Amino acid sequence: MGLVRSVGALAVVAAIFGLELLMVSQVCEDKHSRPKWIMGSILLLVSFVLSSGGLLGFVILLRNQVTLIGFTLMFWCEFTASFLFFLNAISGLHINSITHPWEQPWKF
């Protein structure tokens, strides 16, 4: 259970850094804003993977004790956070691909 909690905490840390990079890239419009935006979205995808792994480990560890209705608040918070990390990361990458198509070279 300690490993599952550690993976969940690491997912939150990765999400915090990813969201910070997304916010900084929006505020500071310079030549490095696009790579910051991409890195923030990738960090959010990493947090999604870590959060999903923690969620899967939680379900595996407690599969005999928990029914479908009896999941704890930790499970539902982790499930919601994992889903929102995924949506935020995918939307960030999609917005980046709309505003800066891949065919255009980066202009630094």
N, C-alpha and C. Protein backbone atom coordinates (compact mmCIF):
# COMPACT_ATOMS: atom_id res chain seq x y z
N MET A 1 0.83 -1.19 0.00
CA MET A 1 0.00 0.00 0.00
C MET A 1 0.87 1.26 0.00
N GLY A 2 2.04 1.16 0.64
CA GLY A 2 2.95 2.30 0.64
C GLY A 2 3.43 2.67 -0.74
N LEU A 3 3.68 1.65 -1.57
CA LEU A 3 4.11 1.91 -2.95
C LEU A 3 3.00 2.59 -3.76
N VAL A 4 1.77 2.16 -3.54
CA VAL A 4 0.64 2.76 -4.26
C VAL A 4 0.49 4.23 -3.87
N ARG A 5 0.62 4.52 -2.61
CA ARG A 5 0.51 5.92 -2.16
C ARG A 5 1.68 6.75 -2.68
N SER A 6 2.87 6.16 -2.73
CA SER A 6 4.03 6.88 -3.26
C SER A 6 3.87 7.19 -4.74
N VAL A 7 3.35 6.24 -5.50
CA VAL A 7 3.13 6.47 -6.93
C VAL A 7 2.07 7.55 -7.12
N GLY A 8 1.02 7.53 -6.29
CA GLY A 8 0.00 8.58 -6.35
C GLY A 8 0.56 9.95 -6.02
N ALA A 9 1.42 10.01 -5.01
CA ALA A 9 2.03 11.29 -4.65
C ALA A 9 2.97 11.78 -5.75
N LEU A 10 3.71 10.87 -6.37
CA LEU A 10 4.59 11.24 -7.48
C LEU A 10 3.78 11.74 -8.68
N ALA A 11 2.61 11.15 -8.89
CA ALA A 11 1.73 11.62 -9.96
C ALA A 11 1.26 13.04 -9.71
N VAL A 12 0.95 13.36 -8.47
CA VAL A 12 0.52 14.72 -8.13
C VAL A 12 1.67 15.71 -8.33
N VAL A 13 2.87 15.33 -7.96
CA VAL A 13 4.03 16.21 -8.15
C VAL A 13 4.27 16.46 -9.63
N ALA A 14 4.20 15.42 -10.45
CA ALA A 14 4.38 15.59 -11.89
C ALA A 14 3.28 16.48 -12.47
N ALA A 15 2.06 16.33 -11.98
CA ALA A 15 0.96 17.17 -12.46
C ALA A 15 1.16 18.63 -12.07
N ILE A 16 1.66 18.87 -10.88
CA ILE A 16 1.91 20.25 -10.44
C ILE A 16 2.95 20.91 -11.33
N PHE A 17 4.04 20.21 -11.60
CA PHE A 17 5.06 20.77 -12.48
C PHE A 17 4.55 20.95 -13.91
N GLY A 18 3.75 20.00 -14.38
CA GLY A 18 3.18 20.12 -15.71
C GLY A 18 2.24 21.30 -15.84
N LEU A 19 1.37 21.48 -14.85
CA LEU A 19 0.46 22.62 -14.88
C LEU A 19 1.20 23.94 -14.74
N GLU A 20 2.28 23.93 -13.97
CA GLU A 20 3.07 25.15 -13.84
C GLU A 20 3.72 25.52 -15.17
N LEU A 21 4.23 24.53 -15.88
CA LEU A 21 4.82 24.81 -17.20
C LEU A 21 3.76 25.31 -18.18
N LEU A 22 2.55 24.77 -18.10
CA LEU A 22 1.49 25.25 -18.98
C LEU A 22 1.13 26.70 -18.67
N MET A 23 1.07 27.03 -17.39
CA MET A 23 0.73 28.42 -17.01
C MET A 23 1.85 29.37 -17.39
N VAL A 24 3.10 28.99 -17.17
CA VAL A 24 4.23 29.85 -17.50
C VAL A 24 4.30 30.07 -19.01
N SER A 25 4.02 29.04 -19.79
CA SER A 25 4.07 29.21 -21.25
C SER A 25 2.96 30.12 -21.75
N GLN A 26 1.87 30.22 -21.02
CA GLN A 26 0.80 31.14 -21.43
C GLN A 26 1.12 32.58 -21.05
N VAL A 27 1.76 32.77 -19.90
CA VAL A 27 2.07 34.12 -19.42
C VAL A 27 3.25 34.70 -20.17
N CYS A 28 4.30 33.92 -20.35
CA CYS A 28 5.51 34.39 -21.00
C CYS A 28 5.51 33.94 -22.45
N GLU A 29 5.07 34.79 -23.33
CA GLU A 29 5.04 34.46 -24.76
C GLU A 29 6.39 34.79 -25.38
N ASP A 30 7.30 33.86 -25.32
CA ASP A 30 8.62 34.06 -25.92
C ASP A 30 8.92 32.88 -26.83
N LYS A 31 10.17 32.77 -27.25
CA LYS A 31 10.52 31.70 -28.18
C LYS A 31 10.52 30.32 -27.52
N HIS A 32 10.50 30.27 -26.19
CA HIS A 32 10.51 28.99 -25.49
C HIS A 32 9.13 28.57 -24.99
N SER A 33 8.10 29.31 -25.36
CA SER A 33 6.77 29.00 -24.82
C SER A 33 6.20 27.71 -25.41
N ARG A 34 6.46 27.43 -26.68
CA ARG A 34 5.93 26.20 -27.27
C ARG A 34 6.58 24.95 -26.68
N PRO A 35 7.91 24.89 -26.52
CA PRO A 35 8.49 23.71 -25.86
C PRO A 35 8.03 23.56 -24.40
N LYS A 36 7.80 24.69 -23.72
CA LYS A 36 7.28 24.61 -22.35
C LYS A 36 5.88 24.02 -22.34
N TRP A 37 5.07 24.43 -23.31
CA TRP A 37 3.70 23.92 -23.42
C TRP A 37 3.71 22.40 -23.67
N ILE A 38 4.58 21.97 -24.58
CA ILE A 38 4.68 20.54 -24.89
C ILE A 38 5.18 19.76 -23.68
N MET A 39 6.19 20.29 -22.98
CA MET A 39 6.73 19.60 -21.80
C MET A 39 5.68 19.52 -20.69
N GLY A 40 4.91 20.59 -20.51
CA GLY A 40 3.84 20.55 -19.51
C GLY A 40 2.79 19.50 -19.84
N SER A 41 2.43 19.39 -21.11
CA SER A 41 1.45 18.38 -21.51
C SER A 41 2.02 16.97 -21.34
N ILE A 42 3.30 16.80 -21.64
CA ILE A 42 3.92 15.49 -21.47
C ILE A 42 4.00 15.12 -19.98
N LEU A 43 4.31 16.10 -19.13
CA LEU A 43 4.32 15.82 -17.69
C LEU A 43 2.92 15.45 -17.19
N LEU A 44 1.91 16.05 -17.75
CA LEU A 44 0.55 15.66 -17.37
C LEU A 44 0.23 14.25 -17.86
N LEU A 45 0.73 13.87 -19.02
CA LEU A 45 0.55 12.48 -19.45
C LEU A 45 1.30 11.51 -18.55
N VAL A 46 2.49 11.89 -18.09
CA VAL A 46 3.23 11.07 -17.14
C VAL A 46 2.46 10.94 -15.84
N SER A 47 1.86 12.03 -15.38
CA SER A 47 1.07 11.95 -14.15
C SER A 47 -0.17 11.08 -14.34
N PHE A 48 -0.74 11.09 -15.55
CA PHE A 48 -1.86 10.19 -15.83
C PHE A 48 -1.42 8.73 -15.72
N VAL A 49 -0.27 8.41 -16.31
CA VAL A 49 0.21 7.03 -16.27
C VAL A 49 0.51 6.61 -14.83
N LEU A 50 1.17 7.48 -14.07
CA LEU A 50 1.48 7.15 -12.68
C LEU A 50 0.20 7.01 -11.84
N SER A 51 -0.73 7.91 -12.07
CA SER A 51 -1.99 7.86 -11.32
C SER A 51 -2.78 6.60 -11.67
N SER A 52 -2.79 6.24 -12.93
CA SER A 52 -3.49 5.02 -13.33
C SER A 52 -2.82 3.78 -12.76
N GLY A 53 -1.49 3.80 -12.71
CA GLY A 53 -0.76 2.69 -12.09
C GLY A 53 -1.05 2.58 -10.61
N GLY A 54 -1.11 3.71 -9.93
CA GLY A 54 -1.47 3.69 -8.51
C GLY A 54 -2.89 3.20 -8.30
N LEU A 55 -3.78 3.61 -9.16
CA LEU A 55 -5.17 3.17 -9.08
C LEU A 55 -5.29 1.67 -9.32
N LEU A 56 -4.58 1.18 -10.31
CA LEU A 56 -4.58 -0.25 -10.59
C LEU A 56 -3.99 -1.05 -9.43
N GLY A 57 -2.90 -0.55 -8.85
CA GLY A 57 -2.31 -1.22 -7.69
C GLY A 57 -3.26 -1.23 -6.50
N PHE A 58 -4.00 -0.15 -6.30
CA PHE A 58 -4.98 -0.07 -5.22
C PHE A 58 -6.08 -1.11 -5.41
N VAL A 59 -6.57 -1.23 -6.64
CA VAL A 59 -7.62 -2.21 -6.92
C VAL A 59 -7.11 -3.63 -6.76
N ILE A 60 -5.88 -3.89 -7.20
CA ILE A 60 -5.32 -5.23 -7.08
C ILE A 60 -5.11 -5.60 -5.62
N LEU A 61 -4.61 -4.66 -4.82
CA LEU A 61 -4.36 -4.96 -3.42
C LEU A 61 -5.64 -5.20 -2.62
N LEU A 62 -6.68 -4.48 -2.95
CA LEU A 62 -7.92 -4.57 -2.17
C LEU A 62 -9.05 -5.25 -2.92
N ARG A 63 -8.74 -6.10 -3.88
CA ARG A 63 -9.79 -6.71 -4.70
C ARG A 63 -10.71 -7.63 -3.89
N ASN A 64 -10.23 -8.23 -2.83
CA ASN A 64 -11.05 -9.15 -2.04
C ASN A 64 -11.89 -8.43 -0.99
N GLN A 65 -11.48 -7.26 -0.57
CA GLN A 65 -12.17 -6.56 0.51
C GLN A 65 -13.19 -5.53 0.02
N VAL A 66 -13.12 -5.14 -1.23
CA VAL A 66 -13.93 -4.02 -1.69
C VAL A 66 -14.95 -4.48 -2.72
N THR A 67 -16.18 -4.03 -2.54
CA THR A 67 -17.21 -4.28 -3.55
C THR A 67 -17.30 -3.07 -4.47
N LEU A 68 -18.14 -3.15 -5.49
CA LEU A 68 -18.26 -2.05 -6.45
C LEU A 68 -18.77 -0.78 -5.79
N ILE A 69 -19.68 -0.92 -4.86
CA ILE A 69 -20.24 0.26 -4.19
C ILE A 69 -19.35 0.70 -3.02
N GLY A 70 -18.53 -0.20 -2.51
CA GLY A 70 -17.76 0.08 -1.32
C GLY A 70 -16.36 0.64 -1.54
N PHE A 71 -16.09 1.21 -2.72
CA PHE A 71 -14.78 1.83 -2.92
C PHE A 71 -14.63 3.05 -2.02
N THR A 72 -13.43 3.30 -1.60
CA THR A 72 -13.18 4.40 -0.66
C THR A 72 -13.10 5.73 -1.40
N LEU A 73 -13.05 6.78 -0.60
CA LEU A 73 -12.92 8.12 -1.15
C LEU A 73 -11.58 8.27 -1.87
N MET A 74 -10.55 7.58 -1.38
CA MET A 74 -9.25 7.64 -2.04
C MET A 74 -9.35 7.11 -3.46
N PHE A 75 -10.09 6.03 -3.64
CA PHE A 75 -10.24 5.45 -4.98
C PHE A 75 -10.92 6.44 -5.92
N TRP A 76 -12.03 7.02 -5.48
CA TRP A 76 -12.78 7.92 -6.37
C TRP A 76 -12.02 9.21 -6.65
N CYS A 77 -11.28 9.70 -5.68
CA CYS A 77 -10.45 10.89 -5.92
C CYS A 77 -9.32 10.57 -6.90
N GLU A 78 -8.71 9.43 -6.74
CA GLU A 78 -7.63 9.02 -7.65
C GLU A 78 -8.18 8.78 -9.05
N PHE A 79 -9.34 8.17 -9.15
CA PHE A 79 -9.96 7.92 -10.45
C PHE A 79 -10.28 9.24 -11.17
N THR A 80 -10.87 10.17 -10.44
CA THR A 80 -11.21 11.47 -11.02
C THR A 80 -9.96 12.24 -11.42
N ALA A 81 -8.95 12.23 -10.55
CA ALA A 81 -7.70 12.93 -10.86
C ALA A 81 -7.03 12.33 -12.09
N SER A 82 -7.00 11.02 -12.18
CA SER A 82 -6.39 10.37 -13.33
C SER A 82 -7.10 10.74 -14.62
N PHE A 83 -8.42 10.75 -14.59
CA PHE A 83 -9.20 11.11 -15.76
C PHE A 83 -8.96 12.57 -16.15
N LEU A 84 -8.90 13.46 -15.17
CA LEU A 84 -8.68 14.88 -15.47
C LEU A 84 -7.26 15.14 -15.95
N PHE A 85 -6.27 14.41 -15.42
CA PHE A 85 -4.90 14.53 -15.93
C PHE A 85 -4.86 14.17 -17.42
N PHE A 86 -5.53 13.08 -17.76
CA PHE A 86 -5.55 12.64 -19.15
C PHE A 86 -6.22 13.69 -20.05
N LEU A 87 -7.38 14.18 -19.64
CA LEU A 87 -8.08 15.17 -20.45
C LEU A 87 -7.26 16.45 -20.63
N ASN A 88 -6.63 16.90 -19.55
CA ASN A 88 -5.84 18.13 -19.62
C ASN A 88 -4.62 17.95 -20.52
N ALA A 89 -3.96 16.81 -20.43
CA ALA A 89 -2.77 16.57 -21.26
C ALA A 89 -3.14 16.46 -22.74
N ILE A 90 -4.19 15.72 -23.04
CA ILE A 90 -4.59 15.55 -24.43
C ILE A 90 -5.08 16.88 -25.02
N SER A 91 -5.83 17.64 -24.23
CA SER A 91 -6.31 18.93 -24.75
C SER A 91 -5.14 19.90 -24.94
N GLY A 92 -4.15 19.86 -24.06
CA GLY A 92 -2.97 20.71 -24.24
C GLY A 92 -2.21 20.38 -25.50
N LEU A 93 -2.02 19.10 -25.78
CA LEU A 93 -1.33 18.70 -27.00
C LEU A 93 -2.16 19.03 -28.24
N HIS A 94 -3.49 18.88 -28.11
CA HIS A 94 -4.35 19.19 -29.25
C HIS A 94 -4.37 20.69 -29.56
N ILE A 95 -4.46 21.51 -28.53
CA ILE A 95 -4.44 22.96 -28.73
C ILE A 95 -3.11 23.38 -29.34
N ASN A 96 -2.03 22.76 -28.88
CA ASN A 96 -0.71 23.08 -29.44
C ASN A 96 -0.64 22.70 -30.92
N SER A 97 -1.21 21.56 -31.29
CA SER A 97 -1.17 21.15 -32.70
C SER A 97 -2.07 22.02 -33.56
N ILE A 98 -3.12 22.60 -32.98
CA ILE A 98 -3.98 23.49 -33.75
C ILE A 98 -3.29 24.83 -33.99
N THR A 99 -2.69 25.38 -32.94
CA THR A 99 -2.08 26.71 -33.06
C THR A 99 -0.75 26.67 -33.79
N HIS A 100 -0.02 25.57 -33.68
CA HIS A 100 1.28 25.42 -34.35
C HIS A 100 1.29 24.08 -35.08
N PRO A 101 0.84 24.04 -36.32
CA PRO A 101 0.85 22.76 -37.05
C PRO A 101 2.27 22.20 -37.16
N TRP A 102 2.38 20.88 -37.22
CA TRP A 102 3.68 20.22 -37.22
C TRP A 102 4.43 20.46 -38.52
N GLU A 103 3.74 20.84 -39.61
CA GLU A 103 4.44 21.06 -40.86
C GLU A 103 5.31 22.31 -40.82
N GLN A 104 4.90 23.29 -40.00
CA GLN A 104 5.68 24.51 -39.92
C GLN A 104 6.91 24.31 -39.05
N PRO A 105 8.05 24.78 -39.49
CA PRO A 105 9.23 24.69 -38.61
C PRO A 105 9.09 25.67 -37.46
N TRP A 106 9.73 25.33 -36.36
CA TRP A 106 9.70 26.23 -35.21
C TRP A 106 10.50 27.48 -35.55
N LYS A 107 9.97 28.59 -35.19
CA LYS A 107 10.66 29.85 -35.44
C LYS A 107 11.18 30.39 -34.13
N PHE A 108 12.47 30.23 -33.95
CA PHE A 108 13.08 30.70 -32.70
C PHE A 108 13.69 32.05 -32.86
